[in-house]
């Protein structure tokens, strides 16, 4: 008999999450999430899709503990940040997560080396030779050189900013990588280069990825699972092929418009 799955068997387990903003007493209460439930296996690459304002980024913030849902619980690699009271334990739990914010969110006053080293120093690393080795290792991993380390964010192209932000997200060798619109603002070549890089790193490091994206090519080429938020609920979760079969109006609008049909044309046999 197969043993029942526990929270530790999943990278992410979201249980009955409700999120509200505003003040119910003043009739300004706005519900963003209604009873969201999701279990994501380790090593998956999840694309999180939905209309603007549907709560995609809010859900990312809840996963890493920057926002607490009003109801429900979120487990990350088997741990619930809501149940951790110790600051030390909370820091240790968050070390398993790497974050790439939209537009990179690099510190403009710091050079590339110090941007990438920032998480290490925040956690109290003081061994400068070790920090240097780790930073240069991550630079090489994302296709940049030691010479690039002295540049400032203002000196970088959009594609380089994303690579530096990715290096910073990977500096603690996380089990879970969270990306918010990682290809937004990139030209098609830079976008494809970033997708290829992330795919290569995923094969080598086997981390789990959750990314907010509207990029149809990314959903097709990179994501092993797709979650769709609409009307405050999770309306679909599964492979691209299974999501394309759903009849919800938002899915029809997003995944079956003219451009989407061209992008997903290799999938057309599933509708036949």
Foldseek 3Di string as FASTA:
>chain_A
DDDDDALLQFQKWWFQFWAWDDDVVVVPIDTQAGGETDTHGFLFAEEEEEDPSNCPVVVVCCQLPVDPTPDTFMAGNRHTLVPDDDPVVSLVVNLQEFEQEVLLPFDQVAFLLCSLLVVVVVVPDDPVVVSVVLLQVLCVLLPHHPVRRRHGPVVDDSLVSLSSSVSSRCSSPHLEYEYEASCPPPDPVSSVSVLVSVQVVCVVSSHYYYYHHLDLLCLVPPGQKYWYGDPNYGPDIGHPLVLCPDDDPVSCVSCVDPVNCVSCVVSVVSVD
